């Protein structure tokens, strides 16, 4: 077979020289994701003692380690739910045109540019024992002692909400922008109030987007680490699973245990995502209502 004929046959199957442009991206994925992921899984089955599953057995038999799963879920699930719930009405109102829309959108997404460290520092300055919020409460006589809102559960929760809301807002706004506005206008001409239009038209079409947004914001919140250290209680009520993995790998130098905790972390995330996407497929089937 000649080279030209071979090239023609490959082109018929969608394989041509342009496919080589994917080679650098594929190499990066293999080197930076697939290989470390596979290496970590393999390392988790090579503990110094206890057999192949020794690292996993160590994690699940130690209540201090095992409870980090519930602690992390207790932070990530409420934060993701609140971010999605708060984003829907704001994004629904902002899908139309009005004066100041760009400025308001910019203000809402500014926390993305701050990062978790600056957000944590701002929370300490504002909600800390000597922060503006507590000074105001004491000065007006609402409390005699500072209200503890940092270095505990609430400090981490506020940080997750502040950093996660812009992400959820932008995603939901993009999904809402893809819903044909003529559907809403047609229902309005038939006399349907705004709440009925939202509940019977917009919300069903938005449901797949809500599920996807929740999954992404949950994964983002579940991997919390800096906030749990800076504005939480990393040795107590906000000892999340990422801190347990860091402690095992870089303080105790038990790399198989650290890898096992990372694998468990990923499996918990996959389980929650699978449940959400499964519920979405059961409760909704159909198009997302895009304009195209």
C-alpha atoms as a PDB file:
ATOM      1  CA  UNK A   1       0.000   0.000   0.000  1.00  0.00           C
ATOM      2  CA  UNK A   2       1.371   3.399  -0.994  1.00  0.00           C
ATOM      3  CA  UNK A   3       1.823   6.202   1.524  1.00  0.00           C
ATOM      4  CA  UNK A   4      -0.864   8.274  -0.187  1.00  0.00           C
ATOM      5  CA  UNK A   5      -3.369   5.421  -0.020  1.00  0.00           C
ATOM      6  CA  UNK A   6      -2.583   4.821   3.661  1.00  0.00           C
ATOM      7  CA  UNK A   7      -3.006   8.527   4.398  1.00  0.00           C
ATOM      8  CA  UNK A   8      -6.334   8.495   2.560  1.00  0.00           C
ATOM      9  CA  UNK A   9      -7.609   5.495   4.536  1.00  0.00           C
ATOM     10  CA  UNK A  10      -6.581   7.080   7.833  1.00  0.00           C
ATOM     11  CA  UNK A  11      -8.270  10.337   6.838  1.00  0.00           C
ATOM     12  CA  UNK A  12     -11.511   8.458   6.179  1.00  0.00           C
ATOM     13  CA  UNK A  13     -11.390   7.283   9.791  1.00  0.00           C
ATOM     14  CA  UNK A  14     -10.774  10.788  11.091  1.00  0.00           C
ATOM     15  CA  UNK A  15      -7.019  10.349  11.577  1.00  0.00           C
ATOM     16  CA  UNK A  16      -4.853  12.945   9.870  1.00  0.00           C
ATOM     17  CA  UNK A  17      -1.878  15.189  10.544  1.00  0.00           C
ATOM     18  CA  UNK A  18      -4.017  17.669  12.456  1.00  0.00           C
ATOM     19  CA  UNK A  19      -4.524  14.993  15.083  1.00  0.00           C
ATOM     20  CA  UNK A  20      -0.841  15.351  15.933  1.00  0.00           C
ATOM     21  CA  UNK A  21      -1.670  18.757  17.402  1.00  0.00           C
ATOM     22  CA  UNK A  22      -3.223  16.863  20.310  1.00  0.00           C
ATOM     23  CA  UNK A  23       0.102  15.196  21.118  1.00  0.00           C
ATOM     24  CA  UNK A  24       1.455  17.940  23.443  1.00  0.00           C
ATOM     25  CA  UNK A  25      -1.814  18.124  25.372  1.00  0.00           C
ATOM     26  CA  UNK A  26      -1.978  14.330  25.611  1.00  0.00           C
ATOM     27  CA  UNK A  27       1.606  14.199  26.878  1.00  0.00           C
ATOM     28  CA  UNK A  28       0.796  16.782  29.568  1.00  0.00           C
ATOM     29  CA  UNK A  29      -2.279  14.837  30.681  1.00  0.00           C
ATOM     30  CA  UNK A  30      -0.308  11.597  30.854  1.00  0.00           C
ATOM     31  CA  UNK A  31       2.643  13.157  32.686  1.00  0.00           C
ATOM     32  CA  UNK A  32       0.762  15.444  35.089  1.00  0.00           C
ATOM     33  CA  UNK A  33      -2.432  13.486  35.765  1.00  0.00           C
ATOM     34  CA  UNK A  34      -2.527   9.862  34.608  1.00  0.00           C
ATOM     35  CA  UNK A  35       0.955   8.875  35.801  1.00  0.00           C
ATOM     36  CA  UNK A  36       0.727  10.557  39.268  1.00  0.00           C
ATOM     37  CA  UNK A  37      -2.780   9.149  39.711  1.00  0.00           C
ATOM     38  CA  UNK A  38      -1.728   5.608  38.802  1.00  0.00           C
ATOM     39  CA  UNK A  39       1.454   5.904  40.874  1.00  0.00           C
ATOM     40  CA  UNK A  40      -0.524   7.086  43.904  1.00  0.00           C
ATOM     41  CA  UNK A  41      -2.981   4.206  43.622  1.00  0.00           C
ATOM     42  CA  UNK A  42      -0.126   1.723  43.348  1.00  0.00           C
ATOM     43  CA  UNK A  43       1.684   3.295  46.296  1.00  0.00           C
ATOM     44  CA  UNK A  44      -1.431   3.025  48.470  1.00  0.00           C
ATOM     45  CA  UNK A  45      -1.196  -0.779  48.172  1.00  0.00           C
ATOM     46  CA  UNK A  46       2.445  -0.892  49.329  1.00  0.00           C
ATOM     47  CA  UNK A  47       2.402  -0.147  53.067  1.00  0.00           C
ATOM     48  CA  UNK A  48       5.385  -1.083  55.210  1.00  0.00           C
ATOM     49  CA  UNK A  49       3.206  -3.470  57.223  1.00  0.00           C
ATOM     50  CA  UNK A  50      -0.329  -4.815  57.282  1.00  0.00           C
ATOM     51  CA  UNK A  51      -0.465  -6.346  53.830  1.00  0.00           C
ATOM     52  CA  UNK A  52      -1.779  -4.906  50.590  1.00  0.00           C
ATOM     53  CA  UNK A  53      -4.752  -3.165  52.234  1.00  0.00           C
ATOM     54  CA  UNK A  54      -2.826  -2.169  55.345  1.00  0.00           C
ATOM     55  CA  UNK A  55      -2.956   1.583  54.651  1.00  0.00           C
ATOM     56  CA  UNK A  56      -6.711   1.514  54.070  1.00  0.00           C
ATOM     57  CA  UNK A  57      -7.189  -0.597  57.208  1.00  0.00           C
ATOM     58  CA  UNK A  58      -5.146   1.914  59.215  1.00  0.00           C
ATOM     59  CA  UNK A  59      -7.338   4.759  58.026  1.00  0.00           C
ATOM     60  CA  UNK A  60     -10.712   3.135  58.654  1.00  0.00           C
ATOM     61  CA  UNK A  61      -9.799   1.629  62.033  1.00  0.00           C
ATOM     62  CA  UNK A  62      -8.613   4.980  63.398  1.00  0.00           C
ATOM     63  CA  UNK A  63     -11.630   7.099  64.363  1.00  0.00           C
ATOM     64  CA  UNK A  64      -9.518  10.288  64.291  1.00  0.00           C
ATOM     65  CA  UNK A  65      -8.685   9.601  60.655  1.00  0.00           C
ATOM     66  CA  UNK A  66     -12.020   8.105  59.636  1.00  0.00           C
ATOM     67  CA  UNK A  67     -14.057  11.014  61.010  1.00  0.00           C
ATOM     68  CA  UNK A  68     -12.369  13.403  58.573  1.00  0.00           C
ATOM     69  CA  UNK A  69     -14.730  12.096  55.871  1.00  0.00           C
ATOM     70  CA  UNK A  70     -17.811  13.223  57.803  1.00  0.00           C
ATOM     71  CA  UNK A  71     -16.126  16.502  58.754  1.00  0.00           C
ATOM     72  CA  UNK A  72     -15.313  17.316  55.131  1.00  0.00           C
ATOM     73  CA  UNK A  73     -18.781  16.326  53.919  1.00  0.00           C
ATOM     74  CA  UNK A  74     -20.276  18.480  56.676  1.00  0.00           C
ATOM     75  CA  UNK A  75     -18.469  21.473  55.214  1.00  0.00           C
ATOM     76  CA  UNK A  76     -18.604  20.751  51.476  1.00  0.00           C
ATOM     77  CA  UNK A  77     -22.255  19.703  51.093  1.00  0.00           C
ATOM     78  CA  UNK A  78     -23.864  22.724  52.857  1.00  0.00           C
ATOM     79  CA  UNK A  79     -21.448  25.125  51.160  1.00  0.00           C
ATOM     80  CA  UNK A  80     -22.203  23.692  47.704  1.00  0.00           C
ATOM     81  CA  UNK A  81     -25.973  23.700  48.336  1.00  0.00           C
ATOM     82  CA  UNK A  82     -25.920  27.296  49.578  1.00  0.00           C
ATOM     83  CA  UNK A  83     -23.774  28.492  46.669  1.00  0.00           C
ATOM     84  CA  UNK A  84     -26.089  26.917  44.098  1.00  0.00           C
ATOM     85  CA  UNK A  85     -29.261  28.080  45.867  1.00  0.00           C
ATOM     86  CA  UNK A  86     -27.986  31.647  46.192  1.00  0.00           C
ATOM     87  CA  UNK A  87     -26.764  31.768  42.599  1.00  0.00           C
ATOM     88  CA  UNK A  88     -30.082  30.808  40.981  1.00  0.00           C
ATOM     89  CA  UNK A  89     -32.221  33.879  41.864  1.00  0.00           C
ATOM     90  CA  UNK A  90     -29.347  36.304  41.264  1.00  0.00           C
ATOM     91  CA  UNK A  91     -28.433  34.765  37.900  1.00  0.00           C
ATOM     92  CA  UNK A  92     -32.138  34.584  36.953  1.00  0.00           C
ATOM     93  CA  UNK A  93     -32.510  38.319  37.559  1.00  0.00           C
ATOM     94  CA  UNK A  94     -29.273  39.199  35.788  1.00  0.00           C
ATOM     95  CA  UNK A  95     -29.910  37.343  32.547  1.00  0.00           C
ATOM     96  CA  UNK A  96     -31.769  40.374  31.226  1.00  0.00           C
ATOM     97  CA  UNK A  97     -30.367  43.786  30.337  1.00  0.00           C
ATOM     98  CA  UNK A  98     -30.287  46.601  32.851  1.00  0.00           C
ATOM     99  CA  UNK A  99     -28.060  49.501  33.802  1.00  0.00           C
ATOM    100  CA  UNK A 100     -25.062  48.514  35.893  1.00  0.00           C
ATOM    101  CA  UNK A 101     -25.170  44.827  34.965  1.00  0.00           C
ATOM    102  CA  UNK A 102     -21.487  44.638  34.086  1.00  0.00           C
ATOM    103  CA  UNK A 103     -20.452  46.399  37.275  1.00  0.00           C
ATOM    104  CA  UNK A 104     -22.613  44.117  39.421  1.00  0.00           C
ATOM    105  CA  UNK A 105     -21.305  41.006  37.663  1.00  0.00           C
ATOM    106  CA  UNK A 106     -17.742  42.173  38.241  1.00  0.00           C
ATOM    107  CA  UNK A 107     -18.411  42.708  41.945  1.00  0.00           C
ATOM    108  CA  UNK A 108     -19.946  39.245  42.282  1.00  0.00           C
ATOM    109  CA  UNK A 109     -17.019  37.445  40.661  1.00  0.00           C
ATOM    110  CA  UNK A 110     -14.205  39.446  42.311  1.00  0.00           C
ATOM    111  CA  UNK A 111     -13.632  36.780  45.025  1.00  0.00           C
ATOM    112  CA  UNK A 112     -12.351  34.424  42.312  1.00  0.00           C
ATOM    113  CA  UNK A 113      -9.332  36.707  41.871  1.00  0.00           C
ATOM    114  CA  UNK A 114      -8.569  36.906  45.595  1.00  0.00           C
ATOM    115  CA  UNK A 115      -7.746  33.283  46.303  1.00  0.00           C
ATOM    116  CA  UNK A 116      -8.272  31.375  49.522  1.00  0.00           C
ATOM    117  CA  UNK A 117      -5.360  32.949  51.418  1.00  0.00           C
ATOM    118  CA  UNK A 118      -6.494  36.552  50.900  1.00  0.00           C
ATOM    119  CA  UNK A 119     -10.088  35.523  51.609  1.00  0.00           C
ATOM    120  CA  UNK A 120      -9.002  33.919  54.878  1.00  0.00           C
ATOM    121  CA  UNK A 121      -7.020  37.011  55.837  1.00  0.00           C
ATOM    122  CA  UNK A 122     -10.051  39.192  55.124  1.00  0.00           C
ATOM    123  CA  UNK A 123     -12.267  36.973  57.260  1.00  0.00           C
ATOM    124  CA  UNK A 124      -9.808  37.195  60.150  1.00  0.00           C
ATOM    125  CA  UNK A 125      -9.723  40.981  59.888  1.00  0.00           C
ATOM    126  CA  UNK A 126     -13.491  41.284  59.624  1.00  0.00           C
ATOM    127  CA  UNK A 127     -14.944  38.406  61.664  1.00  0.00           C
ATOM    128  CA  UNK A 128     -12.045  37.705  64.020  1.00  0.00           C
ATOM    129  CA  UNK A 129     -12.202  38.423  67.780  1.00  0.00           C
ATOM    130  CA  UNK A 130     -10.755  41.909  67.200  1.00  0.00           C
ATOM    131  CA  UNK A 131     -12.306  42.390  63.760  1.00  0.00           C
ATOM    132  CA  UNK A 132     -14.713  45.075  62.606  1.00  0.00           C
ATOM    133  CA  UNK A 133     -17.783  42.908  63.048  1.00  0.00           C
ATOM    134  CA  UNK A 134     -17.125  42.052  66.692  1.00  0.00           C
ATOM    135  CA  UNK A 135     -16.009  45.587  67.522  1.00  0.00           C
ATOM    136  CA  UNK A 136     -19.280  46.885  66.108  1.00  0.00           C
ATOM    137  CA  UNK A 137     -21.351  44.384  68.095  1.00  0.00           C
ATOM    138  CA  UNK A 138     -19.571  45.277  71.319  1.00  0.00           C
ATOM    139  CA  UNK A 139     -19.720  49.026  70.710  1.00  0.00           C
ATOM    140  CA  UNK A 140     -23.509  48.993  70.201  1.00  0.00           C
ATOM    141  CA  UNK A 141     -24.011  46.765  73.230  1.00  0.00           C
ATOM    142  CA  UNK A 142     -25.317  43.658  71.448  1.00  0.00           C
ATOM    143  CA  UNK A 143     -22.702  41.442  73.101  1.00  0.00           C
ATOM    144  CA  UNK A 144     -20.176  41.682  75.913  1.00  0.00           C
ATOM    145  CA  UNK A 145     -17.635  39.311  74.387  1.00  0.00           C
ATOM    146  CA  UNK A 146     -16.533  38.671  70.793  1.00  0.00           C
ATOM    147  CA  UNK A 147     -18.625  36.193  68.829  1.00  0.00           C
ATOM    148  CA  UNK A 148     -16.390  33.348  67.691  1.00  0.00           C
ATOM    149  CA  UNK A 149     -16.759  33.171  63.909  1.00  0.00           C
ATOM    150  CA  UNK A 150     -13.225  32.196  62.918  1.00  0.00           C
ATOM    151  CA  UNK A 151     -10.833  29.368  63.772  1.00  0.00           C
ATOM    152  CA  UNK A 152     -13.821  27.041  63.852  1.00  0.00           C
ATOM    153  CA  UNK A 153     -16.419  25.491  61.535  1.00  0.00           C
ATOM    154  CA  UNK A 154     -17.984  28.823  60.584  1.00  0.00           C
ATOM    155  CA  UNK A 155     -14.726  30.394  59.475  1.00  0.00           C
ATOM    156  CA  UNK A 156     -14.116  27.593  56.970  1.00  0.00           C
ATOM    157  CA  UNK A 157     -17.753  27.562  55.882  1.00  0.00           C
ATOM    158  CA  UNK A 158     -17.769  31.319  55.171  1.00  0.00           C
ATOM    159  CA  UNK A 159     -14.531  30.967  53.232  1.00  0.00           C
ATOM    160  CA  UNK A 160     -15.985  28.165  51.079  1.00  0.00           C
ATOM    161  CA  UNK A 161     -19.113  30.197  50.369  1.00  0.00           C
ATOM    162  CA  UNK A 162     -17.166  33.333  49.434  1.00  0.00           C
ATOM    163  CA  UNK A 163     -14.756  31.526  47.112  1.00  0.00           C
ATOM    164  CA  UNK A 164     -17.310  29.108  45.667  1.00  0.00           C
ATOM    165  CA  UNK A 165     -20.218  31.454  44.982  1.00  0.00           C
ATOM    166  CA  UNK A 166     -18.684  33.280  41.971  1.00  0.00           C
ATOM    167  CA  UNK A 167     -17.900  29.936  40.348  1.00  0.00           C
ATOM    168  CA  UNK A 168     -21.468  28.672  40.830  1.00  0.00           C
ATOM    169  CA  UNK A 169     -22.928  32.015  39.752  1.00  0.00           C
ATOM    170  CA  UNK A 170     -21.034  32.117  36.455  1.00  0.00           C
ATOM    171  CA  UNK A 171     -21.965  28.527  35.624  1.00  0.00           C
ATOM    172  CA  UNK A 172     -25.668  29.007  36.349  1.00  0.00           C
ATOM    173  CA  UNK A 173     -25.706  32.312  34.481  1.00  0.00           C
ATOM    174  CA  UNK A 174     -24.278  30.562  31.429  1.00  0.00           C
ATOM    175  CA  UNK A 175     -26.909  27.800  31.661  1.00  0.00           C
ATOM    176  CA  UNK A 176     -29.704  30.363  32.017  1.00  0.00           C
ATOM    177  CA  UNK A 177     -28.394  32.292  29.032  1.00  0.00           C
ATOM    178  CA  UNK A 178     -28.761  29.123  26.961  1.00  0.00           C
ATOM    179  CA  UNK A 179     -32.488  28.788  27.681  1.00  0.00           C
ATOM    180  CA  UNK A 180     -34.614  30.247  24.903  1.00  0.00           C
ATOM    181  CA  UNK A 181     -36.213  33.424  26.363  1.00  0.00           C
ATOM    182  CA  UNK A 182     -39.174  33.125  23.980  1.00  0.00           C
ATOM    183  CA  UNK A 183     -40.463  30.226  26.092  1.00  0.00           C
ATOM    184  CA  UNK A 184     -40.773  32.496  29.106  1.00  0.00           C
ATOM    185  CA  UNK A 185     -42.332  35.289  27.051  1.00  0.00           C
ATOM    186  CA  UNK A 186     -44.860  32.900  25.503  1.00  0.00           C
ATOM    187  CA  UNK A 187     -45.955  31.742  28.963  1.00  0.00           C
ATOM    188  CA  UNK A 188     -46.214  35.369  30.096  1.00  0.00           C
ATOM    189  CA  UNK A 189     -48.543  36.224  27.208  1.00  0.00           C
ATOM    190  CA  UNK A 190     -50.792  33.383  28.382  1.00  0.00           C
ATOM    191  CA  UNK A 191     -51.050  35.002  31.797  1.00  0.00           C
ATOM    192  CA  UNK A 192     -48.623  32.822  33.771  1.00  0.00           C
ATOM    193  CA  UNK A 193     -47.068  34.715  36.715  1.00  0.00           C
ATOM    194  CA  UNK A 194     -43.282  34.831  37.068  1.00  0.00           C
ATOM    195  CA  UNK A 195     -43.198  32.129  39.739  1.00  0.00           C
ATOM    196  CA  UNK A 196     -45.146  29.667  37.584  1.00  0.00           C
ATOM    197  CA  UNK A 197     -42.942  30.471  34.607  1.00  0.00           C
ATOM    198  CA  UNK A 198     -39.833  29.831  36.677  1.00  0.00           C
ATOM    199  CA  UNK A 199     -41.160  26.628  38.295  1.00  0.00           C
ATOM    200  CA  UNK A 200     -42.672  25.029  35.172  1.00  0.00           C
ATOM    201  CA  UNK A 201     -40.353  26.270  32.411  1.00  0.00           C
ATOM    202  CA  UNK A 202     -37.025  27.633  33.606  1.00  0.00           C
ATOM    203  CA  UNK A 203     -36.343  25.310  36.525  1.00  0.00           C
ATOM    204  CA  UNK A 204     -36.924  22.028  34.608  1.00  0.00           C
ATOM    205  CA  UNK A 205     -34.679  23.230  31.784  1.00  0.00           C
ATOM    206  CA  UNK A 206     -32.103  24.419  34.311  1.00  0.00           C
ATOM    207  CA  UNK A 207     -32.092  21.161  36.322  1.00  0.00           C
ATOM    208  CA  UNK A 208     -29.183  19.494  34.441  1.00  0.00           C
ATOM    209  CA  UNK A 209     -27.136  22.650  34.860  1.00  0.00           C
ATOM    210  CA  UNK A 210     -27.939  22.801  38.569  1.00  0.00           C
ATOM    211  CA  UNK A 211     -26.755  19.213  39.020  1.00  0.00           C
ATOM    212  CA  UNK A 212     -23.529  19.847  37.134  1.00  0.00           C
ATOM    213  CA  UNK A 213     -22.881  23.093  39.009  1.00  0.00           C
ATOM    214  CA  UNK A 214     -23.494  21.396  42.344  1.00  0.00           C
ATOM    215  CA  UNK A 215     -21.059  18.607  41.471  1.00  0.00           C
ATOM    216  CA  UNK A 216     -18.308  21.029  40.458  1.00  0.00           C
ATOM    217  CA  UNK A 217     -18.766  23.309  43.460  1.00  0.00           C
ATOM    218  CA  UNK A 218     -18.901  20.289  45.778  1.00  0.00           C
ATOM    219  CA  UNK A 219     -15.613  18.914  44.430  1.00  0.00           C
ATOM    220  CA  UNK A 220     -14.087  22.382  44.821  1.00  0.00           C
ATOM    221  CA  UNK A 221     -15.278  22.614  48.423  1.00  0.00           C
ATOM    222  CA  UNK A 222     -14.397  19.011  49.325  1.00  0.00           C
ATOM    223  CA  UNK A 223     -10.742  19.650  48.501  1.00  0.00           C
ATOM    224  CA  UNK A 224     -10.545  22.498  51.027  1.00  0.00           C
ATOM    225  CA  UNK A 225      -7.128  22.839  52.647  1.00  0.00           C
ATOM    226  CA  UNK A 226      -5.822  26.405  53.174  1.00  0.00           C
ATOM    227  CA  UNK A 227      -9.091  27.675  54.657  1.00  0.00           C
ATOM    228  CA  UNK A 228      -9.290  24.755  57.086  1.00  0.00           C
ATOM    229  CA  UNK A 229      -5.839  25.718  58.375  1.00  0.00           C
ATOM    230  CA  UNK A 230      -6.026  29.520  58.301  1.00  0.00           C
ATOM    231  CA  UNK A 231      -9.579  30.189  59.536  1.00  0.00           C
ATOM    232  CA  UNK A 232     -10.432  26.787  60.960  1.00  0.00           C
ATOM    233  CA  UNK A 233      -9.300  24.429  63.678  1.00  0.00           C
ATOM    234  CA  UNK A 234      -7.032  21.995  61.789  1.00  0.00           C
ATOM    235  CA  UNK A 235      -6.464  19.751  64.812  1.00  0.00           C
ATOM    236  CA  UNK A 236     -10.103  19.722  65.881  1.00  0.00           C
ATOM    237  CA  UNK A 237     -13.494  20.397  64.329  1.00  0.00           C
ATOM    238  CA  UNK A 238     -12.172  21.347  60.876  1.00  0.00           C
ATOM    239  CA  UNK A 239      -9.629  18.576  60.447  1.00  0.00           C
ATOM    240  CA  UNK A 240     -10.673  17.722  56.914  1.00  0.00           C
ATOM    241  CA  UNK A 241      -9.504  14.747  54.898  1.00  0.00           C
ATOM    242  CA  UNK A 242      -6.963  16.776  52.889  1.00  0.00           C
ATOM    243  CA  UNK A 243      -5.230  17.730  56.153  1.00  0.00           C
ATOM    244  CA  UNK A 244      -5.151  14.045  57.134  1.00  0.00           C
ATOM    245  CA  UNK A 245      -3.517  13.180  53.804  1.00  0.00           C
ATOM    246  CA  UNK A 246      -0.947  15.976  54.181  1.00  0.00           C
ATOM    247  CA  UNK A 247      -0.174  14.946  57.766  1.00  0.00           C
ATOM    248  CA  UNK A 248       0.325  11.299  56.793  1.00  0.00           C
ATOM    249  CA  UNK A 249       2.534  12.038  53.781  1.00  0.00           C
ATOM    250  CA  UNK A 250       4.604  15.061  54.832  1.00  0.00           C
ATOM    251  CA  UNK A 251       4.683  14.993  58.622  1.00  0.00           C
ATOM    252  CA  UNK A 252       4.633  11.288  59.414  1.00  0.00           C
ATOM    253  CA  UNK A 253       6.249  10.412  56.050  1.00  0.00           C
ATOM    254  CA  UNK A 254       3.886   7.491  55.583  1.00  0.00           C
ATOM    255  CA  UNK A 255       3.447   7.869  51.840  1.00  0.00           C
ATOM    256  CA  UNK A 256       1.289   4.747  51.352  1.00  0.00           C
ATOM    257  CA  UNK A 257      -1.157   6.009  53.985  1.00  0.00           C
ATOM    258  CA  UNK A 258      -1.172   9.495  52.431  1.00  0.00           C
ATOM    259  CA  UNK A 259      -1.840   7.972  49.018  1.00  0.00           C
ATOM    260  CA  UNK A 260      -4.602   5.771  50.446  1.00  0.00           C
ATOM    261  CA  UNK A 261      -6.292   8.801  52.028  1.00  0.00           C
ATOM    262  CA  UNK A 262      -6.076  10.653  48.702  1.00  0.00           C
ATOM    263  CA  UNK A 263      -7.671   7.667  46.924  1.00  0.00           C
ATOM    264  CA  UNK A 264     -10.442   7.540  49.546  1.00  0.00           C
ATOM    265  CA  UNK A 265     -10.970  11.263  49.080  1.00  0.00           C
ATOM    266  CA  UNK A 266     -11.422  10.771  45.360  1.00  0.00           C
ATOM    267  CA  UNK A 267     -13.781   7.832  45.847  1.00  0.00           C
ATOM    268  CA  UNK A 268     -16.008   9.840  48.210  1.00  0.00           C
ATOM    269  CA  UNK A 269     -16.183  12.663  45.679  1.00  0.00           C
ATOM    270  CA  UNK A 270     -17.030  10.220  42.898  1.00  0.00           C
ATOM    271  CA  UNK A 271     -19.739   8.645  45.051  1.00  0.00           C
ATOM    272  CA  UNK A 272     -21.441  11.981  45.716  1.00  0.00           C
ATOM    273  CA  UNK A 273     -21.167  13.021  42.063  1.00  0.00           C
ATOM    274  CA  UNK A 274     -22.592   9.655  40.950  1.00  0.00           C
ATOM    275  CA  UNK A 275     -25.559  10.021  43.326  1.00  0.00           C
ATOM    276  CA  UNK A 276     -26.317  13.551  42.114  1.00  0.00           C
ATOM    277  CA  UNK A 277     -26.014  12.682  38.428  1.00  0.00           C
ATOM    278  CA  UNK A 278     -28.060   9.526  39.012  1.00  0.00           C
ATOM    279  CA  UNK A 279     -30.845  11.542  40.624  1.00  0.00           C
ATOM    280  CA  UNK A 280     -30.670  13.996  37.735  1.00  0.00           C
ATOM    281  CA  UNK A 281     -31.143  11.216  35.200  1.00  0.00           C
ATOM    282  CA  UNK A 282     -34.079   9.808  37.194  1.00  0.00           C
ATOM    283  CA  UNK A 283     -35.847  13.120  37.728  1.00  0.00           C
ATOM    284  CA  UNK A 284     -35.128  14.754  34.384  1.00  0.00           C
ATOM    285  CA  UNK A 285     -34.608  13.510  30.835  1.00  0.00           C
ATOM    286  CA  UNK A 286     -34.458  15.816  27.876  1.00  0.00           C
ATOM    287  CA  UNK A 287     -32.696  18.810  26.403  1.00  0.00           C
ATOM    288  CA  UNK A 288     -31.254  21.647  28.428  1.00  0.00           C
ATOM    289  CA  UNK A 289     -33.194  24.085  26.320  1.00  0.00           C
ATOM    290  CA  UNK A 290     -30.341  25.764  24.529  1.00  0.00           C
ATOM    291  CA  UNK A 291     -30.936  28.376  21.855  1.00  0.00           C
ATOM    292  CA  UNK A 292     -29.216  26.323  19.177  1.00  0.00           C
END
